[in-house]
Amino acid sequence: MNKKNGGAFVFWFTGLSGAGKTTITDCVAKELTNRGQKVKVFDGDVVRRQFHRHLGFCPEDIRENNRVIAEYCRKEMLEADYIFVPIISPFADSRQAAREVIGETFRLVYVKTSLKEVKRRDTKGLYQKALAGQIQNFIGIDPNVPYEPPLNADLVLIRKKRPLNIQPLSFWNISTSCRKKQHLSRV
């Protein structure tokens, strides 16, 4: 446990749908767990399905989901060494609010993947449906729900077309990078 700060480091992964937030989180969480660390993951999609089915995807509901997840993190900080939150979190004000709720152990990680690339991947067919008008309020596609790229990320992971290369994502690399704002590419 991170006794110095009284709680876990919280890595808040933001990026477009399909950018690779959950994939990256799962890989890093597994590595940390294998090293004997206590890790919790609050995946935005999972938390929404389990606890917030009543929330939709209008801007107000997205902000509420982000707020509640930040509160979950704050409550669980003494029970873990690291908390990972893979979540689209499209609004700068919601990310700042999460930073304020969580405090000095909050680390914003931007998984930067172009809209063109996530539309090309589209493993769930969501972009195709959104562009066809079958999904409303799809983040980054619907003008009512834009994705606001972070300007103050503690770490930027740039995803390219190639498959995920987890080597640069070792925990030690991420924690060091977060101390001195840095971009890691080729992930």
N, C-alpha and C. Protein backbone atom coordinates (compact mmCIF):
# COMPACT_ATOMS: atom_id res chain seq x y z
N MET A 1 0.84 -1.18 0.00
CA MET A 1 0.00 0.00 0.00
C MET A 1 0.88 1.24 0.00
N ASN A 2 0.38 2.30 -0.56
CA ASN A 2 1.13 3.53 -0.68
C ASN A 2 0.95 4.35 0.61
N LYS A 3 1.68 4.01 1.65
CA LYS A 3 1.51 4.63 2.97
C LYS A 3 1.84 6.12 2.97
N LYS A 4 2.79 6.52 2.15
CA LYS A 4 3.22 7.91 2.13
C LYS A 4 2.04 8.85 1.84
N ASN A 5 1.20 8.48 0.91
CA ASN A 5 0.07 9.32 0.54
C ASN A 5 -1.23 8.87 1.19
N GLY A 6 -1.19 7.79 1.95
CA GLY A 6 -2.40 7.31 2.58
C GLY A 6 -3.31 6.57 1.64
N GLY A 7 -2.82 6.16 0.50
CA GLY A 7 -3.69 5.42 -0.40
C GLY A 7 -3.04 5.12 -1.73
N ALA A 8 -3.83 4.48 -2.56
CA ALA A 8 -3.37 3.99 -3.86
C ALA A 8 -3.14 5.12 -4.85
N PHE A 9 -2.25 4.84 -5.81
CA PHE A 9 -2.19 5.68 -6.99
C PHE A 9 -3.38 5.30 -7.85
N VAL A 10 -4.06 6.28 -8.41
CA VAL A 10 -5.21 6.03 -9.28
C VAL A 10 -4.82 6.47 -10.68
N PHE A 11 -4.77 5.50 -11.60
CA PHE A 11 -4.45 5.78 -13.00
C PHE A 11 -5.77 5.83 -13.77
N TRP A 12 -6.15 7.03 -14.21
CA TRP A 12 -7.41 7.29 -14.91
C TRP A 12 -7.09 7.32 -16.40
N PHE A 13 -7.41 6.22 -17.10
CA PHE A 13 -7.11 6.09 -18.53
C PHE A 13 -8.25 6.67 -19.35
N THR A 14 -7.97 7.68 -20.15
CA THR A 14 -8.98 8.30 -20.99
C THR A 14 -8.59 8.14 -22.46
N GLY A 15 -9.59 8.10 -23.32
CA GLY A 15 -9.37 7.98 -24.75
C GLY A 15 -10.66 7.56 -25.42
N LEU A 16 -10.68 7.63 -26.72
CA LEU A 16 -11.87 7.25 -27.48
C LEU A 16 -12.24 5.79 -27.25
N SER A 17 -13.48 5.44 -27.54
CA SER A 17 -13.91 4.05 -27.50
C SER A 17 -13.06 3.27 -28.49
N GLY A 18 -12.49 2.16 -28.04
CA GLY A 18 -11.66 1.34 -28.92
C GLY A 18 -10.20 1.76 -28.97
N ALA A 19 -9.80 2.72 -28.15
CA ALA A 19 -8.41 3.19 -28.17
C ALA A 19 -7.44 2.18 -27.57
N GLY A 20 -7.93 1.33 -26.68
CA GLY A 20 -7.08 0.33 -26.04
C GLY A 20 -6.93 0.51 -24.54
N LYS A 21 -7.77 1.33 -23.94
CA LYS A 21 -7.66 1.62 -22.51
C LYS A 21 -7.77 0.35 -21.65
N THR A 22 -8.78 -0.45 -21.90
CA THR A 22 -8.99 -1.66 -21.11
C THR A 22 -7.90 -2.68 -21.37
N THR A 23 -7.48 -2.83 -22.60
CA THR A 23 -6.41 -3.78 -22.94
C THR A 23 -5.13 -3.42 -22.20
N ILE A 24 -4.77 -2.15 -22.23
CA ILE A 24 -3.57 -1.69 -21.55
C ILE A 24 -3.70 -1.90 -20.04
N THR A 25 -4.84 -1.49 -19.50
CA THR A 25 -5.08 -1.63 -18.07
C THR A 25 -4.97 -3.08 -17.63
N ASP A 26 -5.60 -3.98 -18.38
CA ASP A 26 -5.55 -5.40 -18.02
C ASP A 26 -4.12 -5.93 -17.99
N CYS A 27 -3.32 -5.54 -18.97
CA CYS A 27 -1.92 -6.00 -19.04
C CYS A 27 -1.10 -5.48 -17.86
N VAL A 28 -1.23 -4.19 -17.57
CA VAL A 28 -0.45 -3.60 -16.48
C VAL A 28 -0.93 -4.12 -15.13
N ALA A 29 -2.25 -4.25 -14.96
CA ALA A 29 -2.80 -4.77 -13.70
C ALA A 29 -2.32 -6.20 -13.46
N LYS A 30 -2.27 -7.00 -14.50
CA LYS A 30 -1.80 -8.39 -14.37
C LYS A 30 -0.33 -8.41 -13.94
N GLU A 31 0.48 -7.57 -14.56
CA GLU A 31 1.90 -7.51 -14.20
C GLU A 31 2.07 -7.11 -12.74
N LEU A 32 1.33 -6.10 -12.31
CA LEU A 32 1.45 -5.64 -10.92
C LEU A 32 0.98 -6.72 -9.94
N THR A 33 -0.12 -7.37 -10.26
CA THR A 33 -0.64 -8.44 -9.41
C THR A 33 0.39 -9.56 -9.29
N ASN A 34 1.04 -9.90 -10.41
CA ASN A 34 2.08 -10.93 -10.39
C ASN A 34 3.26 -10.52 -9.52
N ARG A 35 3.44 -9.21 -9.32
CA ARG A 35 4.53 -8.71 -8.48
C ARG A 35 4.09 -8.54 -7.02
N GLY A 36 2.89 -9.01 -6.71
CA GLY A 36 2.41 -8.98 -5.33
C GLY A 36 1.71 -7.70 -4.92
N GLN A 37 1.36 -6.86 -5.87
CA GLN A 37 0.68 -5.61 -5.55
C GLN A 37 -0.84 -5.82 -5.51
N LYS A 38 -1.51 -5.04 -4.69
CA LYS A 38 -2.98 -5.07 -4.65
C LYS A 38 -3.50 -4.08 -5.68
N VAL A 39 -4.25 -4.60 -6.66
CA VAL A 39 -4.73 -3.78 -7.76
C VAL A 39 -6.25 -3.90 -7.86
N LYS A 40 -6.89 -2.76 -8.04
CA LYS A 40 -8.33 -2.74 -8.31
C LYS A 40 -8.53 -2.07 -9.66
N VAL A 41 -9.55 -2.53 -10.39
CA VAL A 41 -9.88 -1.95 -11.68
C VAL A 41 -11.35 -1.56 -11.65
N PHE A 42 -11.63 -0.31 -11.98
CA PHE A 42 -13.00 0.16 -12.14
C PHE A 42 -13.19 0.53 -13.60
N ASP A 43 -13.52 -0.46 -14.42
CA ASP A 43 -13.74 -0.24 -15.85
C ASP A 43 -15.05 0.52 -16.02
N GLY A 44 -15.02 1.61 -16.77
CA GLY A 44 -16.21 2.44 -16.95
C GLY A 44 -17.40 1.67 -17.46
N ASP A 45 -17.20 0.78 -18.44
CA ASP A 45 -18.31 -0.01 -18.99
C ASP A 45 -18.87 -0.98 -17.96
N VAL A 46 -18.00 -1.65 -17.22
CA VAL A 46 -18.43 -2.64 -16.24
C VAL A 46 -19.19 -1.97 -15.10
N VAL A 47 -18.64 -0.87 -14.59
CA VAL A 47 -19.31 -0.16 -13.49
C VAL A 47 -20.69 0.32 -13.94
N ARG A 48 -20.78 0.83 -15.15
CA ARG A 48 -22.06 1.31 -15.67
C ARG A 48 -23.06 0.15 -15.73
N ARG A 49 -22.64 -0.99 -16.26
CA ARG A 49 -23.55 -2.15 -16.38
C ARG A 49 -23.99 -2.66 -15.02
N GLN A 50 -23.09 -2.70 -14.06
CA GLN A 50 -23.40 -3.28 -12.75
C GLN A 50 -24.16 -2.34 -11.83
N PHE A 51 -23.86 -1.04 -11.90
CA PHE A 51 -24.41 -0.13 -10.89
C PHE A 51 -25.22 1.04 -11.43
N HIS A 52 -25.05 1.37 -12.71
CA HIS A 52 -25.67 2.60 -13.22
C HIS A 52 -26.44 2.36 -14.51
N ARG A 53 -27.17 1.27 -14.59
CA ARG A 53 -27.91 0.98 -15.81
C ARG A 53 -28.88 2.10 -16.17
N HIS A 54 -29.32 2.85 -15.17
CA HIS A 54 -30.28 3.92 -15.40
C HIS A 54 -29.65 5.13 -16.12
N LEU A 55 -28.33 5.19 -16.13
CA LEU A 55 -27.67 6.32 -16.77
C LEU A 55 -27.51 6.07 -18.27
N GLY A 56 -27.79 7.10 -19.04
CA GLY A 56 -27.61 7.01 -20.48
C GLY A 56 -26.26 7.59 -20.88
N PHE A 57 -26.20 8.14 -22.09
CA PHE A 57 -24.95 8.68 -22.60
C PHE A 57 -25.07 10.15 -22.99
N CYS A 58 -26.05 10.84 -22.40
CA CYS A 58 -26.09 12.29 -22.60
C CYS A 58 -24.97 12.87 -21.74
N PRO A 59 -24.53 14.08 -22.02
CA PRO A 59 -23.41 14.66 -21.25
C PRO A 59 -23.61 14.62 -19.73
N GLU A 60 -24.82 14.89 -19.26
CA GLU A 60 -25.06 14.90 -17.81
C GLU A 60 -24.87 13.51 -17.21
N ASP A 61 -25.36 12.47 -17.90
CA ASP A 61 -25.22 11.11 -17.38
C ASP A 61 -23.76 10.64 -17.43
N ILE A 62 -23.05 11.03 -18.44
CA ILE A 62 -21.63 10.68 -18.53
C ILE A 62 -20.88 11.32 -17.37
N ARG A 63 -21.15 12.60 -17.12
CA ARG A 63 -20.48 13.28 -15.99
C ARG A 63 -20.83 12.61 -14.66
N GLU A 64 -22.08 12.20 -14.49
CA GLU A 64 -22.49 11.54 -13.25
C GLU A 64 -21.77 10.20 -13.09
N ASN A 65 -21.67 9.43 -14.15
CA ASN A 65 -20.97 8.15 -14.09
C ASN A 65 -19.50 8.37 -13.70
N ASN A 66 -18.87 9.36 -14.30
CA ASN A 66 -17.47 9.69 -13.96
C ASN A 66 -17.34 10.12 -12.50
N ARG A 67 -18.29 10.92 -12.03
CA ARG A 67 -18.26 11.40 -10.64
C ARG A 67 -18.35 10.23 -9.67
N VAL A 68 -19.28 9.32 -9.93
CA VAL A 68 -19.47 8.18 -9.03
C VAL A 68 -18.25 7.26 -9.04
N ILE A 69 -17.65 7.06 -10.20
CA ILE A 69 -16.45 6.22 -10.26
C ILE A 69 -15.30 6.88 -9.49
N ALA A 70 -15.17 8.18 -9.58
CA ALA A 70 -14.13 8.87 -8.80
C ALA A 70 -14.38 8.67 -7.30
N GLU A 71 -15.63 8.71 -6.88
CA GLU A 71 -15.97 8.46 -5.47
C GLU A 71 -15.63 7.03 -5.07
N TYR A 72 -15.94 6.05 -5.94
CA TYR A 72 -15.56 4.66 -5.67
C TYR A 72 -14.05 4.56 -5.44
N CYS A 73 -13.30 5.21 -6.31
CA CYS A 73 -11.84 5.18 -6.19
C CYS A 73 -11.41 5.75 -4.85
N ARG A 74 -11.95 6.90 -4.48
CA ARG A 74 -11.57 7.54 -3.22
C ARG A 74 -11.85 6.61 -2.04
N LYS A 75 -13.00 5.94 -2.07
CA LYS A 75 -13.36 5.04 -0.97
C LYS A 75 -12.48 3.80 -0.91
N GLU A 76 -11.94 3.37 -2.03
CA GLU A 76 -11.15 2.14 -2.09
C GLU A 76 -9.64 2.38 -2.01
N MET A 77 -9.21 3.61 -1.90
CA MET A 77 -7.78 3.93 -1.96
C MET A 77 -6.95 3.26 -0.88
N LEU A 78 -7.51 3.04 0.30
CA LEU A 78 -6.75 2.41 1.38
C LEU A 78 -6.72 0.89 1.27
N GLU A 79 -7.50 0.35 0.33
CA GLU A 79 -7.58 -1.10 0.15
C GLU A 79 -6.72 -1.62 -0.99
N ALA A 80 -5.99 -0.74 -1.66
CA ALA A 80 -5.21 -1.16 -2.82
C ALA A 80 -3.92 -0.36 -2.89
N ASP A 81 -2.99 -0.89 -3.67
CA ASP A 81 -1.77 -0.15 -3.98
C ASP A 81 -1.99 0.71 -5.21
N TYR A 82 -2.75 0.15 -6.17
CA TYR A 82 -3.02 0.83 -7.44
C TYR A 82 -4.46 0.60 -7.84
N ILE A 83 -5.07 1.66 -8.37
CA ILE A 83 -6.42 1.56 -8.93
C ILE A 83 -6.33 2.05 -10.37
N PHE A 84 -6.90 1.24 -11.27
CA PHE A 84 -6.92 1.59 -12.69
C PHE A 84 -8.36 1.84 -13.11
N VAL A 85 -8.56 2.91 -13.86
CA VAL A 85 -9.89 3.29 -14.34
C VAL A 85 -9.83 3.50 -15.85
N PRO A 86 -10.12 2.45 -16.63
CA PRO A 86 -10.23 2.65 -18.08
C PRO A 86 -11.64 3.16 -18.39
N ILE A 87 -11.73 4.39 -18.84
CA ILE A 87 -13.03 5.03 -19.04
C ILE A 87 -12.86 6.11 -20.12
N ILE A 88 -13.83 6.26 -20.98
CA ILE A 88 -13.70 7.27 -22.03
C ILE A 88 -13.50 8.65 -21.41
N SER A 89 -14.30 9.00 -20.44
CA SER A 89 -14.17 10.26 -19.72
C SER A 89 -13.92 11.43 -20.69
N PRO A 90 -14.91 11.76 -21.53
CA PRO A 90 -14.67 12.67 -22.64
C PRO A 90 -14.54 14.15 -22.28
N PHE A 91 -14.96 14.53 -21.08
CA PHE A 91 -15.01 15.95 -20.76
C PHE A 91 -13.90 16.38 -19.81
N ALA A 92 -13.23 17.47 -20.16
CA ALA A 92 -12.14 17.99 -19.34
C ALA A 92 -12.60 18.31 -17.93
N ASP A 93 -13.80 18.86 -17.79
CA ASP A 93 -14.28 19.22 -16.45
C ASP A 93 -14.50 17.99 -15.58
N SER A 94 -14.94 16.88 -16.15
CA SER A 94 -15.12 15.64 -15.38
C SER A 94 -13.78 15.06 -14.94
N ARG A 95 -12.80 15.12 -15.83
CA ARG A 95 -11.48 14.61 -15.46
C ARG A 95 -10.88 15.47 -14.34
N GLN A 96 -11.06 16.78 -14.43
CA GLN A 96 -10.55 17.67 -13.38
C GLN A 96 -11.28 17.42 -12.05
N ALA A 97 -12.58 17.19 -12.13
CA ALA A 97 -13.35 16.88 -10.92
C ALA A 97 -12.85 15.58 -10.29
N ALA A 98 -12.55 14.57 -11.12
CA ALA A 98 -12.01 13.30 -10.60
C ALA A 98 -10.67 13.54 -9.92
N ARG A 99 -9.83 14.37 -10.54
CA ARG A 99 -8.51 14.70 -9.96
C ARG A 99 -8.71 15.35 -8.58
N GLU A 100 -9.68 16.23 -8.45
CA GLU A 100 -9.94 16.91 -7.18
C GLU A 100 -10.47 15.95 -6.12
N VAL A 101 -11.36 15.03 -6.51
CA VAL A 101 -11.92 14.06 -5.56
C VAL A 101 -10.83 13.11 -5.07
N ILE A 102 -9.99 12.64 -5.97
CA ILE A 102 -9.00 11.62 -5.64
C ILE A 102 -7.77 12.23 -4.97
N GLY A 103 -7.36 13.39 -5.42
CA GLY A 103 -6.23 14.07 -4.79
C GLY A 103 -4.90 13.82 -5.46
N GLU A 104 -3.83 13.93 -4.67
CA GLU A 104 -2.47 13.96 -5.22
C GLU A 104 -2.01 12.65 -5.85
N THR A 105 -2.71 11.55 -5.62
CA THR A 105 -2.30 10.28 -6.22
C THR A 105 -3.00 10.02 -7.57
N PHE A 106 -3.78 10.97 -8.04
CA PHE A 106 -4.46 10.85 -9.34
C PHE A 106 -3.45 11.03 -10.46
N ARG A 107 -3.48 10.13 -11.44
CA ARG A 107 -2.63 10.23 -12.62
C ARG A 107 -3.51 10.05 -13.86
N LEU A 108 -3.53 11.06 -14.71
CA LEU A 108 -4.31 11.01 -15.94
C LEU A 108 -3.45 10.43 -17.05
N VAL A 109 -3.92 9.33 -17.64
CA VAL A 109 -3.21 8.67 -18.73
C VAL A 109 -4.09 8.77 -19.98
N TYR A 110 -3.58 9.45 -20.99
CA TYR A 110 -4.32 9.64 -22.25
C TYR A 110 -3.85 8.59 -23.25
N VAL A 111 -4.76 7.71 -23.63
CA VAL A 111 -4.47 6.72 -24.67
C VAL A 111 -4.88 7.36 -25.98
N LYS A 112 -3.91 7.95 -26.63
CA LYS A 112 -4.15 8.77 -27.82
C LYS A 112 -4.17 7.90 -29.08
N THR A 113 -5.36 7.76 -29.63
CA THR A 113 -5.56 6.98 -30.85
C THR A 113 -6.47 7.81 -31.74
N SER A 114 -6.13 7.93 -32.99
CA SER A 114 -6.91 8.78 -33.89
C SER A 114 -8.31 8.21 -34.11
N LEU A 115 -9.25 9.10 -34.40
CA LEU A 115 -10.61 8.69 -34.72
C LEU A 115 -10.59 7.76 -35.93
N LYS A 116 -9.76 8.07 -36.89
CA LYS A 116 -9.65 7.23 -38.09
C LYS A 116 -9.25 5.80 -37.71
N GLU A 117 -8.30 5.67 -36.79
CA GLU A 117 -7.84 4.34 -36.39
C GLU A 117 -8.89 3.57 -35.59
N VAL A 118 -9.56 4.22 -34.64
CA VAL A 118 -10.57 3.48 -33.86
C VAL A 118 -11.76 3.10 -34.74
N LYS A 119 -12.08 3.93 -35.74
CA LYS A 119 -13.14 3.55 -36.69
C LYS A 119 -12.69 2.38 -37.54
N ARG A 120 -11.42 2.33 -37.89
CA ARG A 120 -10.90 1.21 -38.68
C ARG A 120 -10.97 -0.09 -37.88
N ARG A 121 -10.57 -0.03 -36.61
CA ARG A 121 -10.60 -1.22 -35.75
C ARG A 121 -12.03 -1.68 -35.51
N ASP A 122 -12.82 -0.82 -34.94
CA ASP A 122 -14.26 -1.00 -34.66
C ASP A 122 -14.65 -2.46 -34.40
N THR A 123 -13.98 -3.11 -33.45
CA THR A 123 -14.22 -4.52 -33.20
C THR A 123 -15.65 -4.83 -32.76
N LYS A 124 -16.33 -3.88 -32.15
CA LYS A 124 -17.71 -4.10 -31.69
C LYS A 124 -18.74 -3.56 -32.68
N GLY A 125 -18.29 -2.92 -33.75
CA GLY A 125 -19.22 -2.36 -34.73
C GLY A 125 -19.94 -1.11 -34.27
N LEU A 126 -19.46 -0.50 -33.19
CA LEU A 126 -20.15 0.66 -32.61
C LEU A 126 -20.03 1.91 -33.47
N TYR A 127 -18.85 2.14 -34.04
CA TYR A 127 -18.68 3.33 -34.88
C TYR A 127 -19.56 3.24 -36.12
N GLN A 128 -19.61 2.06 -36.70
CA GLN A 128 -20.45 1.84 -37.89
C GLN A 128 -21.91 2.14 -37.56
N LYS A 129 -22.38 1.65 -36.41
CA LYS A 129 -23.77 1.89 -36.00
C LYS A 129 -24.00 3.38 -35.70
N ALA A 130 -23.04 4.01 -35.04
CA ALA A 130 -23.19 5.43 -34.71
C ALA A 130 -23.23 6.27 -35.97
N LEU A 131 -22.37 5.98 -36.92
CA LEU A 131 -22.35 6.73 -38.18
C LEU A 131 -23.61 6.50 -39.01
N ALA A 132 -24.24 5.34 -38.80
CA ALA A 132 -25.50 5.03 -39.50
C ALA A 132 -26.71 5.59 -38.76
N GLY A 133 -26.47 6.25 -37.62
CA GLY A 133 -27.57 6.84 -36.85
C GLY A 133 -28.29 5.85 -35.95
N GLN A 134 -27.73 4.66 -35.76
CA GLN A 134 -28.37 3.65 -34.92
C GLN A 134 -28.02 3.80 -33.45
N ILE A 135 -26.99 4.57 -33.14
CA ILE A 135 -26.62 4.85 -31.74
C ILE A 135 -26.56 6.36 -31.58
N GLN A 136 -27.32 6.86 -30.62
CA GLN A 136 -27.30 8.29 -30.33
C GLN A 136 -26.29 8.57 -29.22
N ASN A 137 -25.81 9.79 -29.18
CA ASN A 137 -24.87 10.25 -28.14
C ASN A 137 -23.59 9.42 -28.10
N PHE A 138 -23.14 8.96 -29.26
CA PHE A 138 -21.89 8.19 -29.27
C PHE A 138 -20.73 9.17 -29.17
N ILE A 139 -19.92 8.98 -28.13
CA ILE A 139 -18.85 9.92 -27.82
C ILE A 139 -17.85 10.03 -28.98
N GLY A 140 -17.60 11.27 -29.38
CA GLY A 140 -16.64 11.53 -30.44
C GLY A 140 -17.25 11.56 -31.83
N ILE A 141 -18.48 11.06 -31.97
CA ILE A 141 -19.18 11.06 -33.26
C ILE A 141 -20.34 12.03 -33.22
N ASP A 142 -21.18 11.92 -32.20
CA ASP A 142 -22.34 12.80 -32.04
C ASP A 142 -21.84 14.18 -31.60
N PRO A 143 -22.24 15.24 -32.32
CA PRO A 143 -21.75 16.59 -31.94
C PRO A 143 -22.19 17.02 -30.54
N ASN A 144 -23.22 16.39 -29.98
CA ASN A 144 -23.66 16.72 -28.62
C ASN A 144 -22.75 16.13 -27.56
N VAL A 145 -21.92 15.15 -27.95
CA VAL A 145 -21.04 14.49 -27.00
C VAL A 145 -19.63 14.39 -27.60
N PRO A 146 -18.92 15.52 -27.64
CA PRO A 146 -17.56 15.49 -28.22
C PRO A 146 -16.57 14.85 -27.25
N TYR A 147 -15.46 14.37 -27.79
CA TYR A 147 -14.36 13.93 -26.94
C TYR A 147 -13.37 15.09 -26.88
N GLU A 148 -13.09 15.57 -25.67
CA GLU A 148 -12.15 16.67 -25.47
C GLU A 148 -10.80 16.09 -25.06
N PRO A 149 -9.85 16.03 -25.99
CA PRO A 149 -8.54 15.46 -25.63
C PRO A 149 -7.92 16.23 -24.47
N PRO A 150 -7.32 15.51 -23.52
CA PRO A 150 -6.73 16.21 -22.38
C PRO A 150 -5.50 17.03 -22.77
N LEU A 151 -5.40 18.18 -22.16
CA LEU A 151 -4.24 19.05 -22.36
C LEU A 151 -3.24 18.91 -21.23
N ASN A 152 -3.66 18.24 -20.14
CA ASN A 152 -2.82 18.16 -18.95
C ASN A 152 -2.58 16.72 -18.50
N ALA A 153 -2.50 15.78 -19.44
CA ALA A 153 -2.29 14.38 -19.07
C ALA A 153 -0.93 14.21 -18.40
N ASP A 154 -0.89 13.32 -17.42
CA ASP A 154 0.38 12.99 -16.77
C ASP A 154 1.20 12.06 -17.65
N LEU A 155 0.53 11.31 -18.49
CA LEU A 155 1.20 10.39 -19.40
C LEU A 155 0.35 10.26 -20.66
N VAL A 156 0.99 10.26 -21.81
CA VAL A 156 0.30 10.07 -23.09
C VAL A 156 0.86 8.80 -23.73
N LEU A 157 -0.02 7.84 -24.00
CA LEU A 157 0.35 6.62 -24.71
C LEU A 157 -0.22 6.74 -26.11
N ILE A 158 0.64 6.70 -27.09
CA ILE A 158 0.20 6.89 -28.47
C ILE A 158 0.03 5.53 -29.12
N ARG A 159 -1.23 5.20 -29.47
CA ARG A 159 -1.53 3.91 -30.11
C ARG A 159 -1.51 4.09 -31.61
N LYS A 160 -0.77 3.24 -32.27
CA LYS A 160 -0.68 3.23 -33.73
C LYS A 160 -1.43 2.02 -34.26
N LYS A 161 -1.28 1.74 -35.53
CA LYS A 161 -2.00 0.63 -36.16
C LYS A 161 -1.53 -0.74 -35.70
N ARG A 162 -0.29 -0.86 -35.33
CA ARG A 162 0.26 -2.17 -35.00
C ARG A 162 -0.39 -2.75 -33.74
N PRO A 163 -0.25 -4.05 -33.51
CA PRO A 163 -0.79 -4.68 -32.30
C PRO A 163 -0.13 -4.11 -31.04
N LEU A 164 -0.79 -4.27 -29.92
CA LEU A 164 -0.29 -3.75 -28.65
C LEU A 164 1.04 -4.38 -28.29
N ASN A 165 2.01 -3.53 -27.97
CA ASN A 165 3.32 -3.97 -27.49
C ASN A 165 3.39 -3.56 -26.03
N ILE A 166 3.22 -4.51 -25.13
CA ILE A 166 3.12 -4.19 -23.72
C ILE A 166 4.48 -3.91 -23.07
N GLN A 167 5.58 -4.22 -23.71
CA GLN A 167 6.89 -4.01 -23.11
C GLN A 167 7.09 -2.59 -22.58
N PRO A 168 6.79 -1.53 -23.35
CA PRO A 168 7.01 -0.19 -22.80
C PRO A 168 6.03 0.16 -21.68
N LEU A 169 5.06 -0.72 -21.44
CA LEU A 169 4.03 -0.40 -20.45
C LEU A 169 4.28 -1.05 -19.10
N SER A 170 5.48 -1.49 -18.86
CA SER A 170 5.73 -2.08 -17.56
C SER A 170 5.40 -1.05 -16.49
N PHE A 171 5.02 -1.52 -15.35
CA PHE A 171 4.64 -0.62 -14.27
C PHE A 171 5.72 0.40 -13.97
N TRP A 172 6.96 -0.04 -13.95
CA TRP A 172 8.03 0.87 -13.57
C TRP A 172 8.15 2.00 -14.59
N ASN A 173 7.96 1.69 -15.84
CA ASN A 173 8.01 2.71 -16.88
C ASN A 173 6.87 3.70 -16.71
N ILE A 174 5.67 3.19 -16.44
CA ILE A 174 4.52 4.08 -16.27
C ILE A 174 4.71 4.97 -15.04
N SER A 175 5.10 4.40 -13.92
CA SER A 175 5.21 5.22 -12.70
C SER A 175 6.30 6.27 -12.84
N THR A 176 7.40 5.92 -13.47
CA THR A 176 8.47 6.89 -13.70
C THR A 176 8.00 7.99 -14.64
N SER A 177 7.31 7.59 -15.71
CA SER A 177 6.83 8.56 -16.69
C SER A 177 5.85 9.54 -16.07
N CYS A 178 5.03 9.07 -15.14
CA CYS A 178 4.03 9.95 -14.53
C CYS A 178 4.65 10.99 -13.62
N ARG A 179 5.85 10.76 -13.18
CA ARG A 179 6.51 11.75 -12.34
C ARG A 179 7.01 12.93 -13.16
N LYS A 180 7.22 12.72 -14.45
CA LYS A 180 7.78 13.78 -15.30
C LYS A 180 7.09 13.76 -16.65
N LYS A 181 5.87 14.17 -16.70
CA LYS A 181 5.03 14.13 -17.91
C LYS A 181 5.80 13.70 -19.15
N GLN A 182 5.33 12.65 -19.77
CA GLN A 182 6.09 12.04 -20.84
C GLN A 182 5.14 11.38 -21.84
N HIS A 183 5.60 11.25 -23.04
CA HIS A 183 4.86 10.53 -24.07
C HIS A 183 5.57 9.22 -24.35
N LEU A 184 4.81 8.13 -24.33
CA LEU A 184 5.36 6.84 -24.73
C LEU A 184 4.68 6.45 -26.02
N SER A 185 5.44 6.24 -27.05
CA SER A 185 4.81 5.86 -28.31
C SER A 185 5.06 4.38 -28.57
N ARG A 186 4.56 3.92 -29.70
CA ARG A 186 4.72 2.53 -30.11
C ARG A 186 4.11 1.56 -29.16
N VAL A 187 2.95 1.86 -28.60
CA VAL A 187 2.26 0.89 -27.74
C VAL A 187 1.02 0.41 -28.44
